[in-house]
């Protein structure tokens, strides 16, 4: 396994095929569209911060592994869903 493999964000790219969807995500997670485009640019080394990843997990209702191309399974396990719901209720 190559641990230095560059992140491509192919799954995230598939969730955002249009500029309108990128704008909607930008508004929802509070990140500028140009930053989202930087994450999706295969020639850029920019990666989302942890808080942005959590917000995207909630927004797309998917796993972090899916967003990071570590899995092709989009659904989050139920225990992760429960934990995120609890964190959201407590505003952590």
PDB file of N, CA and C in Angstrom:
ATOM      1  N   UNK A   1       0.854  -1.182   0.000  1.00  0.00           N
ATOM      2  CA  UNK A   1       0.000   0.000   0.000  1.00  0.00           C
ATOM      3  C   UNK A   1       0.895   1.239   0.000  1.00  0.00           C
ATOM      4  N   UNK A   2       0.602   2.161  -0.883  1.00  0.00           N
ATOM      5  CA  UNK A   2       1.374   3.392  -0.986  1.00  0.00           C
ATOM      6  C   UNK A   2       0.718   4.461  -0.110  1.00  0.00           C
ATOM      7  N   UNK A   3       1.332   4.744   1.036  1.00  0.00           N
ATOM      8  CA  UNK A   3       0.728   5.723   1.953  1.00  0.00           C
ATOM      9  C   UNK A   3       0.952   7.159   1.488  1.00  0.00           C
ATOM     10  N   UNK A   4       1.827   7.349   0.512  1.00  0.00           N
ATOM     11  CA  UNK A   4       2.084   8.688  -0.015  1.00  0.00           C
ATOM     12  C   UNK A   4       1.243   9.008  -1.247  1.00  0.00           C
ATOM     13  N   UNK A   5       0.326   8.129  -1.571  1.00  0.00           N
ATOM     14  CA  UNK A   5      -0.515   8.325  -2.750  1.00  0.00           C
ATOM     15  C   UNK A   5      -1.282   9.637  -2.635  1.00  0.00           C
ATOM     16  N   UNK A   6      -1.257  10.405  -3.706  1.00  0.00           N
ATOM     17  CA  UNK A   6      -1.940  11.697  -3.738  1.00  0.00           C
ATOM     18  C   UNK A   6      -3.459  11.492  -3.729  1.00  0.00           C
ATOM     19  N   UNK A   7      -4.144  12.300  -2.946  1.00  0.00           N
ATOM     20  CA  UNK A   7      -5.596  12.211  -2.849  1.00  0.00           C
ATOM     21  C   UNK A   7      -6.213  12.799  -4.125  1.00  0.00           C
ATOM     22  N   UNK A   8      -7.176  12.071  -4.677  1.00  0.00           N
ATOM     23  CA  UNK A   8      -7.818  12.495  -5.923  1.00  0.00           C
ATOM     24  C   UNK A   8      -9.245  12.988  -5.731  1.00  0.00           C
ATOM     25  N   UNK A   9      -9.914  12.557  -4.676  1.00  0.00           N
ATOM     26  CA  UNK A   9     -11.295  12.973  -4.393  1.00  0.00           C
ATOM     27  C   UNK A   9     -12.247  12.652  -5.546  1.00  0.00           C
ATOM     28  N   UNK A  10     -12.080  11.479  -6.147  1.00  0.00           N
ATOM     29  CA  UNK A  10     -12.960  11.076  -7.253  1.00  0.00           C
ATOM     30  C   UNK A  10     -14.406  10.946  -6.812  1.00  0.00           C
ATOM     31  N   UNK A  11     -14.641  10.388  -5.622  1.00  0.00           N
ATOM     32  CA  UNK A  11     -16.027  10.253  -5.144  1.00  0.00           C
ATOM     33  C   UNK A  11     -16.656  11.613  -4.889  1.00  0.00           C
ATOM     34  N   UNK A  12     -15.905  12.517  -4.295  1.00  0.00           N
ATOM     35  CA  UNK A  12     -16.428  13.869  -4.071  1.00  0.00           C
ATOM     36  C   UNK A  12     -16.714  14.539  -5.410  1.00  0.00           C
ATOM     37  N   UNK A  13     -15.827  14.360  -6.363  1.00  0.00           N
ATOM     38  CA  UNK A  13     -16.030  14.933  -7.690  1.00  0.00           C
ATOM     39  C   UNK A  13     -17.324  14.393  -8.321  1.00  0.00           C
ATOM     40  N   UNK A  14     -17.597  13.096  -8.109  1.00  0.00           N
ATOM     41  CA  UNK A  14     -18.820  12.514  -8.678  1.00  0.00           C
ATOM     42  C   UNK A  14     -20.083  13.073  -8.020  1.00  0.00           C
ATOM     43  N   UNK A  15     -19.960  13.518  -6.764  1.00  0.00           N
ATOM     44  CA  UNK A  15     -21.100  14.118  -6.063  1.00  0.00           C
ATOM     45  C   UNK A  15     -21.337  15.571  -6.474  1.00  0.00           C
ATOM     46  N   UNK A  16     -20.357  16.162  -7.146  1.00  0.00           N
ATOM     47  CA  UNK A  16     -20.420  17.581  -7.500  1.00  0.00           C
ATOM     48  C   UNK A  16     -20.177  17.789  -9.001  1.00  0.00           C
ATOM     49  N   UNK A  17     -21.029  17.226  -9.872  1.00  0.00           N
ATOM     50  CA  UNK A  17     -20.767  17.328 -11.303  1.00  0.00           C
ATOM     51  C   UNK A  17     -21.042  18.705 -11.911  1.00  0.00           C
ATOM     52  N   UNK A  18     -21.761  19.565 -11.183  1.00  0.00           N
ATOM     53  CA  UNK A  18     -22.090  20.881 -11.740  1.00  0.00           C
ATOM     54  C   UNK A  18     -21.621  21.995 -10.810  1.00  0.00           C
ATOM     55  N   UNK A  19     -21.471  23.154 -11.388  1.00  0.00           N
ATOM     56  CA  UNK A  19     -21.074  24.321 -10.600  1.00  0.00           C
ATOM     57  C   UNK A  19     -22.158  24.672  -9.582  1.00  0.00           C
ATOM     58  N   UNK A  20     -23.416  24.488  -9.950  1.00  0.00           N
ATOM     59  CA  UNK A  20     -24.518  24.772  -9.032  1.00  0.00           C
ATOM     60  C   UNK A  20     -24.419  23.914  -7.766  1.00  0.00           C
ATOM     61  N   UNK A  21     -24.089  22.634  -7.920  1.00  0.00           N
ATOM     62  CA  UNK A  21     -23.942  21.754  -6.752  1.00  0.00           C
ATOM     63  C   UNK A  21     -22.757  22.173  -5.892  1.00  0.00           C
ATOM     64  N   UNK A  22     -21.694  22.645  -6.515  1.00  0.00           N
ATOM     65  CA  UNK A  22     -20.536  23.148  -5.760  1.00  0.00           C
ATOM     66  C   UNK A  22     -20.924  24.389  -4.958  1.00  0.00           C
ATOM     67  N   UNK A  23     -21.710  25.258  -5.570  1.00  0.00           N
ATOM     68  CA  UNK A  23     -22.168  26.469  -4.883  1.00  0.00           C
ATOM     69  C   UNK A  23     -23.052  26.095  -3.695  1.00  0.00           C
ATOM     70  N   UNK A  24     -23.962  25.151  -3.894  1.00  0.00           N
ATOM     71  CA  UNK A  24     -24.831  24.706  -2.796  1.00  0.00           C
ATOM     72  C   UNK A  24     -24.009  24.136  -1.647  1.00  0.00           C
ATOM     73  N   UNK A  25     -23.013  23.317  -1.964  1.00  0.00           N
ATOM     74  CA  UNK A  25     -22.141  22.761  -0.922  1.00  0.00           C
ATOM     75  C   UNK A  25     -21.382  23.882  -0.222  1.00  0.00           C
ATOM     76  N   UNK A  26     -20.875  24.819  -0.995  1.00  0.00           N
ATOM     77  CA  UNK A  26     -20.135  25.956  -0.442  1.00  0.00           C
ATOM     78  C   UNK A  26     -20.952  26.698   0.610  1.00  0.00           C
ATOM     79  N   UNK A  27     -22.190  26.965   0.282  1.00  0.00           N
ATOM     80  CA  UNK A  27     -23.088  27.662   1.207  1.00  0.00           C
ATOM     81  C   UNK A  27     -23.351  26.810   2.439  1.00  0.00           C
ATOM     82  N   UNK A  28     -23.592  25.519   2.218  1.00  0.00           N
ATOM     83  CA  UNK A  28     -23.958  24.627   3.319  1.00  0.00           C
ATOM     84  C   UNK A  28     -22.833  24.424   4.322  1.00  0.00           C
ATOM     85  N   UNK A  29     -21.585  24.363   3.842  1.00  0.00           N
ATOM     86  CA  UNK A  29     -20.485  24.067   4.764  1.00  0.00           C
ATOM     87  C   UNK A  29     -19.617  25.281   5.073  1.00  0.00           C
ATOM     88  N   UNK A  30     -19.926  26.424   4.461  1.00  0.00           N
ATOM     89  CA  UNK A  30     -19.199  27.654   4.773  1.00  0.00           C
ATOM     90  C   UNK A  30     -17.771  27.702   4.246  1.00  0.00           C
ATOM     91  N   UNK A  31     -17.582  27.135   3.062  1.00  0.00           N
ATOM     92  CA  UNK A  31     -16.256  27.129   2.426  1.00  0.00           C
ATOM     93  C   UNK A  31     -16.415  27.750   1.040  1.00  0.00           C
ATOM     94  N   UNK A  32     -15.502  28.645   0.633  1.00  0.00           N
ATOM     95  CA  UNK A  32     -15.620  29.264  -0.694  1.00  0.00           C
ATOM     96  C   UNK A  32     -15.581  28.227  -1.824  1.00  0.00           C
ATOM     97  N   UNK A  33     -16.296  28.506  -2.902  1.00  0.00           N
ATOM     98  CA  UNK A  33     -16.325  27.600  -4.050  1.00  0.00           C
ATOM     99  C   UNK A  33     -14.929  27.368  -4.598  1.00  0.00           C
ATOM    100  N   UNK A  34     -14.094  28.420  -4.610  1.00  0.00           N
ATOM    101  CA  UNK A  34     -12.740  28.224  -5.148  1.00  0.00           C
ATOM    102  C   UNK A  34     -11.938  27.228  -4.307  1.00  0.00           C
ATOM    103  N   UNK A  35     -12.248  27.118  -3.022  1.00  0.00           N
ATOM    104  CA  UNK A  35     -11.574  26.125  -2.182  1.00  0.00           C
ATOM    105  C   UNK A  35     -12.053  24.723  -2.544  1.00  0.00           C
ATOM    106  N   UNK A  36     -13.348  24.584  -2.775  1.00  0.00           N
ATOM    107  CA  UNK A  36     -13.893  23.284  -3.201  1.00  0.00           C
ATOM    108  C   UNK A  36     -13.273  22.884  -4.535  1.00  0.00           C
ATOM    109  N   UNK A  37     -13.172  23.832  -5.458  1.00  0.00           N
ATOM    110  CA  UNK A  37     -12.534  23.540  -6.748  1.00  0.00           C
ATOM    111  C   UNK A  37     -11.083  23.133  -6.570  1.00  0.00           C
ATOM    112  N   UNK A  38     -10.400  23.726  -5.610  1.00  0.00           N
ATOM    113  CA  UNK A  38      -9.001  23.354  -5.340  1.00  0.00           C
ATOM    114  C   UNK A  38      -8.916  21.905  -4.853  1.00  0.00           C
ATOM    115  N   UNK A  39      -9.866  21.486  -3.993  1.00  0.00           N
ATOM    116  CA  UNK A  39      -9.879  20.093  -3.528  1.00  0.00           C
ATOM    117  C   UNK A  39     -10.061  19.142  -4.697  1.00  0.00           C
ATOM    118  N   UNK A  40     -10.887  19.541  -5.662  1.00  0.00           N
ATOM    119  CA  UNK A  40     -11.225  18.671  -6.784  1.00  0.00           C
ATOM    120  C   UNK A  40     -10.193  18.693  -7.903  1.00  0.00           C
ATOM    121  N   UNK A  41      -9.280  19.637  -7.883  1.00  0.00           N
ATOM    122  CA  UNK A  41      -8.244  19.762  -8.903  1.00  0.00           C
ATOM    123  C   UNK A  41      -7.153  18.723  -8.648  1.00  0.00           C
ATOM    124  N   UNK A  42      -6.983  17.755  -9.552  1.00  0.00           N
ATOM    125  CA  UNK A  42      -5.988  16.703  -9.317  1.00  0.00           C
ATOM    126  C   UNK A  42      -4.547  17.222  -9.270  1.00  0.00           C
ATOM    127  N   UNK A  43      -4.319  18.430  -9.761  1.00  0.00           N
ATOM    128  CA  UNK A  43      -2.968  19.006  -9.734  1.00  0.00           C
ATOM    129  C   UNK A  43      -2.704  19.843  -8.489  1.00  0.00           C
ATOM    130  N   UNK A  44      -3.708  19.984  -7.648  1.00  0.00           N
ATOM    131  CA  UNK A  44      -3.584  20.795  -6.444  1.00  0.00           C
ATOM    132  C   UNK A  44      -3.422  19.879  -5.237  1.00  0.00           C
ATOM    133  N   UNK A  45      -2.655  20.288  -4.273  1.00  0.00           N
ATOM    134  CA  UNK A  45      -2.433  19.481  -3.072  1.00  0.00           C
ATOM    135  C   UNK A  45      -3.365  19.859  -1.922  1.00  0.00           C
ATOM    136  N   UNK A  46      -4.314  20.733  -2.186  1.00  0.00           N
ATOM    137  CA  UNK A  46      -5.243  21.183  -1.152  1.00  0.00           C
ATOM    138  C   UNK A  46      -6.168  20.052  -0.736  1.00  0.00           C
ATOM    139  N   UNK A  47      -6.375  19.934   0.572  1.00  0.00           N
ATOM    140  CA  UNK A  47      -7.293  18.921   1.102  1.00  0.00           C
ATOM    141  C   UNK A  47      -8.228  19.584   2.117  1.00  0.00           C
ATOM    142  N   UNK A  48      -9.426  19.038   2.269  1.00  0.00           N
ATOM    143  CA  UNK A  48     -10.358  19.618   3.241  1.00  0.00           C
ATOM    144  C   UNK A  48      -9.868  19.431   4.674  1.00  0.00           C
ATOM    145  N   UNK A  49     -10.170  20.410   5.516  1.00  0.00           N
ATOM    146  CA  UNK A  49      -9.895  20.286   6.951  1.00  0.00           C
ATOM    147  C   UNK A  49     -10.911  19.324   7.556  1.00  0.00           C
ATOM    148  N   UNK A  50     -10.603  18.828   8.733  1.00  0.00           N
ATOM    149  CA  UNK A  50     -11.462  17.840   9.399  1.00  0.00           C
ATOM    150  C   UNK A  50     -12.889  18.352   9.576  1.00  0.00           C
ATOM    151  N   UNK A  51     -13.043  19.611   9.977  1.00  0.00           N
ATOM    152  CA  UNK A  51     -14.404  20.120  10.191  1.00  0.00           C
ATOM    153  C   UNK A  51     -15.186  20.187   8.879  1.00  0.00           C
ATOM    154  N   UNK A  52     -14.501  20.482   7.785  1.00  0.00           N
ATOM    155  CA  UNK A  52     -15.172  20.494   6.482  1.00  0.00           C
ATOM    156  C   UNK A  52     -15.570  19.086   6.068  1.00  0.00           C
ATOM    157  N   UNK A  53     -14.727  18.109   6.366  1.00  0.00           N
ATOM    158  CA  UNK A  53     -15.066  16.720   6.062  1.00  0.00           C
ATOM    159  C   UNK A  53     -16.307  16.269   6.822  1.00  0.00           C
ATOM    160  N   UNK A  54     -16.379  16.626   8.096  1.00  0.00           N
ATOM    161  CA  UNK A  54     -17.552  16.254   8.898  1.00  0.00           C
ATOM    162  C   UNK A  54     -18.806  16.914   8.330  1.00  0.00           C
ATOM    163  N   UNK A  55     -18.712  18.175   7.968  1.00  0.00           N
ATOM    164  CA  UNK A  55     -19.866  18.864   7.390  1.00  0.00           C
ATOM    165  C   UNK A  55     -20.288  18.222   6.071  1.00  0.00           C
ATOM    166  N   UNK A  56     -19.302  17.812   5.256  1.00  0.00           N
ATOM    167  CA  UNK A  56     -19.643  17.153   3.991  1.00  0.00           C
ATOM    168  C   UNK A  56     -20.247  15.775   4.226  1.00  0.00           C
ATOM    169  N   UNK A  57     -19.769  15.063   5.253  1.00  0.00           N
ATOM    170  CA  UNK A  57     -20.377  13.777   5.603  1.00  0.00           C
ATOM    171  C   UNK A  57     -21.848  13.965   5.916  1.00  0.00           C
ATOM    172  N   UNK A  58     -22.160  14.995   6.673  1.00  0.00           N
ATOM    173  CA  UNK A  58     -23.554  15.284   7.023  1.00  0.00           C
ATOM    174  C   UNK A  58     -24.348  15.718   5.791  1.00  0.00           C
ATOM    175  N   UNK A  59     -23.749  16.584   5.006  1.00  0.00           N
ATOM    176  CA  UNK A  59     -24.428  17.132   3.825  1.00  0.00           C
ATOM    177  C   UNK A  59     -24.785  16.024   2.833  1.00  0.00           C
ATOM    178  N   UNK A  60     -23.829  15.148   2.544  1.00  0.00           N
ATOM    179  CA  UNK A  60     -24.044  14.077   1.570  1.00  0.00           C
ATOM    180  C   UNK A  60     -24.549  12.788   2.208  1.00  0.00           C
ATOM    181  N   UNK A  61     -24.621  12.763   3.541  1.00  0.00           N
ATOM    182  CA  UNK A  61     -25.008  11.559   4.278  1.00  0.00           C
ATOM    183  C   UNK A  61     -24.172  10.365   3.813  1.00  0.00           C
ATOM    184  N   UNK A  62     -22.855  10.543   3.906  1.00  0.00           N
ATOM    185  CA  UNK A  62     -21.940   9.493   3.466  1.00  0.00           C
ATOM    186  C   UNK A  62     -20.795   9.365   4.470  1.00  0.00           C
ATOM    187  N   UNK A  63     -19.966   8.360   4.250  1.00  0.00           N
ATOM    188  CA  UNK A  63     -18.839   8.136   5.147  1.00  0.00           C
ATOM    189  C   UNK A  63     -17.649   9.007   4.754  1.00  0.00           C
ATOM    190  N   UNK A  64     -16.800   9.245   5.707  1.00  0.00           N
ATOM    191  CA  UNK A  64     -15.556   9.970   5.452  1.00  0.00           C
ATOM    192  C   UNK A  64     -14.681   9.162   4.496  1.00  0.00           C
ATOM    193  N   UNK A  65     -14.646   7.852   4.691  1.00  0.00           N
ATOM    194  CA  UNK A  65     -13.863   6.996   3.798  1.00  0.00           C
ATOM    195  C   UNK A  65     -14.309   7.159   2.352  1.00  0.00           C
ATOM    196  N   UNK A  66     -15.599   7.309   2.136  1.00  0.00           N
ATOM    197  CA  UNK A  66     -16.113   7.510   0.780  1.00  0.00           C
ATOM    198  C   UNK A  66     -15.609   8.841   0.221  1.00  0.00           C
ATOM    199  N   UNK A  67     -15.689   9.897   1.004  1.00  0.00           N
ATOM    200  CA  UNK A  67     -15.231  11.211   0.532  1.00  0.00           C
ATOM    201  C   UNK A  67     -13.740  11.216   0.218  1.00  0.00           C
ATOM    202  N   UNK A  68     -12.981  10.415   0.952  1.00  0.00           N
ATOM    203  CA  UNK A  68     -11.523  10.372   0.772  1.00  0.00           C
ATOM    204  C   UNK A  68     -11.080   9.287  -0.197  1.00  0.00           C
ATOM    205  N   UNK A  69     -12.021   8.665  -0.901  1.00  0.00           N
ATOM    206  CA  UNK A  69     -11.731   7.590  -1.861  1.00  0.00           C
ATOM    207  C   UNK A  69     -11.081   6.372  -1.214  1.00  0.00           C
ATOM    208  N   UNK A  70     -11.342   6.160   0.058  1.00  0.00           N
ATOM    209  CA  UNK A  70     -10.817   4.977   0.738  1.00  0.00           C
ATOM    210  C   UNK A  70     -11.808   3.822   0.673  1.00  0.00           C
ATOM    211  N   UNK A  71     -13.025   4.118   0.212  1.00  0.00           N
ATOM    212  CA  UNK A  71     -14.079   3.117   0.084  1.00  0.00           C
ATOM    213  C   UNK A  71     -15.013   3.543  -1.037  1.00  0.00           C
ATOM    214  N   UNK A  72     -15.625   2.563  -1.669  1.00  0.00           N
ATOM    215  CA  UNK A  72     -16.652   2.850  -2.672  1.00  0.00           C
ATOM    216  C   UNK A  72     -18.045   2.730  -2.084  1.00  0.00           C
ATOM    217  N   UNK A  73     -18.117   2.478  -0.782  1.00  0.00           N
ATOM    218  CA  UNK A  73     -19.401   2.359  -0.096  1.00  0.00           C
ATOM    219  C   UNK A  73     -19.769   3.723   0.463  1.00  0.00           C
ATOM    220  N   UNK A  74     -20.835   4.298  -0.065  1.00  0.00           N
ATOM    221  CA  UNK A  74     -21.215   5.664   0.314  1.00  0.00           C
ATOM    222  C   UNK A  74     -21.862   5.741   1.694  1.00  0.00           C
ATOM    223  N   UNK A  75     -22.664   4.742   2.055  1.00  0.00           N
ATOM    224  CA  UNK A  75     -23.437   4.810   3.292  1.00  0.00           C
ATOM    225  C   UNK A  75     -22.536   4.779   4.520  1.00  0.00           C
ATOM    226  N   UNK A  76     -22.936   5.563   5.515  1.00  0.00           N
ATOM    227  CA  UNK A  76     -22.236   5.540   6.802  1.00  0.00           C
ATOM    228  C   UNK A  76     -22.804   4.414   7.642  1.00  0.00           C
ATOM    229  N   UNK A  77     -21.949   3.768   8.427  1.00  0.00           N
ATOM    230  CA  UNK A  77     -22.476   2.775   9.374  1.00  0.00           C
ATOM    231  C   UNK A  77     -23.414   3.453  10.371  1.00  0.00           C
ATOM    232  N   UNK A  78     -24.395   2.712  10.873  1.00  0.00           N
ATOM    233  CA  UNK A  78     -25.376   3.275  11.799  1.00  0.00           C
ATOM    234  C   UNK A  78     -24.749   3.873  13.045  1.00  0.00           C
ATOM    235  N   UNK A  79     -23.673   3.263  13.563  1.00  0.00           N
ATOM    236  CA  UNK A  79     -23.055   3.795  14.773  1.00  0.00           C
ATOM    237  C   UNK A  79     -22.417   5.156  14.519  1.00  0.00           C
ATOM    238  N   UNK A  80     -21.891   5.377  13.333  1.00  0.00           N
ATOM    239  CA  UNK A  80     -21.321   6.682  12.988  1.00  0.00           C
ATOM    240  C   UNK A  80     -22.435   7.708  12.844  1.00  0.00           C
ATOM    241  N   UNK A  81     -23.543   7.303  12.239  1.00  0.00           N
ATOM    242  CA  UNK A  81     -24.689   8.214  12.106  1.00  0.00           C
ATOM    243  C   UNK A  81     -25.170   8.663  13.480  1.00  0.00           C
ATOM    244  N   UNK A  82     -25.279   7.712  14.410  1.00  0.00           N
ATOM    245  CA  UNK A  82     -25.739   8.046  15.758  1.00  0.00           C
ATOM    246  C   UNK A  82     -24.773   9.006  16.443  1.00  0.00           C
ATOM    247  N   UNK A  83     -23.476   8.763  16.312  1.00  0.00           N
ATOM    248  CA  UNK A  83     -22.470   9.629  16.928  1.00  0.00           C
ATOM    249  C   UNK A  83     -22.546  11.039  16.350  1.00  0.00           C
ATOM    250  N   UNK A  84     -22.641  11.162  15.030  1.00  0.00           N
ATOM    251  CA  UNK A  84     -22.731  12.485  14.413  1.00  0.00           C
ATOM    252  C   UNK A  84     -24.009  13.209  14.824  1.00  0.00           C
ATOM    253  N   UNK A  85     -25.110  12.479  14.929  1.00  0.00           N
ATOM    254  CA  UNK A  85     -26.360  13.091  15.383  1.00  0.00           C
ATOM    255  C   UNK A  85     -26.220  13.619  16.800  1.00  0.00           C
ATOM    256  N   UNK A  86     -25.572  12.837  17.667  1.00  0.00           N
ATOM    257  CA  UNK A  86     -25.366  13.248  19.044  1.00  0.00           C
ATOM    258  C   UNK A  86     -24.456  14.483  19.120  1.00  0.00           C
ATOM    259  N   UNK A  87     -23.392  14.493  18.335  1.00  0.00           N
ATOM    260  CA  UNK A  87     -22.492  15.648  18.313  1.00  0.00           C
ATOM    261  C   UNK A  87     -23.231  16.878  17.817  1.00  0.00           C
ATOM    262  N   UNK A  88     -24.059  16.703  16.813  1.00  0.00           N
ATOM    263  CA  UNK A  88     -24.823  17.824  16.272  1.00  0.00           C
ATOM    264  C   UNK A  88     -25.806  18.379  17.299  1.00  0.00           C
ATOM    265  N   UNK A  89     -26.446  17.489  18.059  1.00  0.00           N
ATOM    266  CA  UNK A  89     -27.385  17.942  19.092  1.00  0.00           C
ATOM    267  C   UNK A  89     -26.660  18.730  20.184  1.00  0.00           C
ATOM    268  N   UNK A  90     -25.406  18.354  20.443  1.00  0.00           N
ATOM    269  CA  UNK A  90     -24.637  19.021  21.484  1.00  0.00           C
ATOM    270  C   UNK A  90     -23.781  20.161  20.948  1.00  0.00           C
ATOM    271  N   UNK A  91     -23.898  20.443  19.645  1.00  0.00           N
ATOM    272  CA  UNK A  91     -23.137  21.518  19.007  1.00  0.00           C
ATOM    273  C   UNK A  91     -21.642  21.414  19.243  1.00  0.00           C
ATOM    274  N   UNK A  92     -21.122  20.211  19.147  1.00  0.00           N
ATOM    275  CA  UNK A  92     -19.672  20.010  19.286  1.00  0.00           C
ATOM    276  C   UNK A  92     -19.053  20.006  17.921  1.00  0.00           C
TER     277      UNK A  92
END
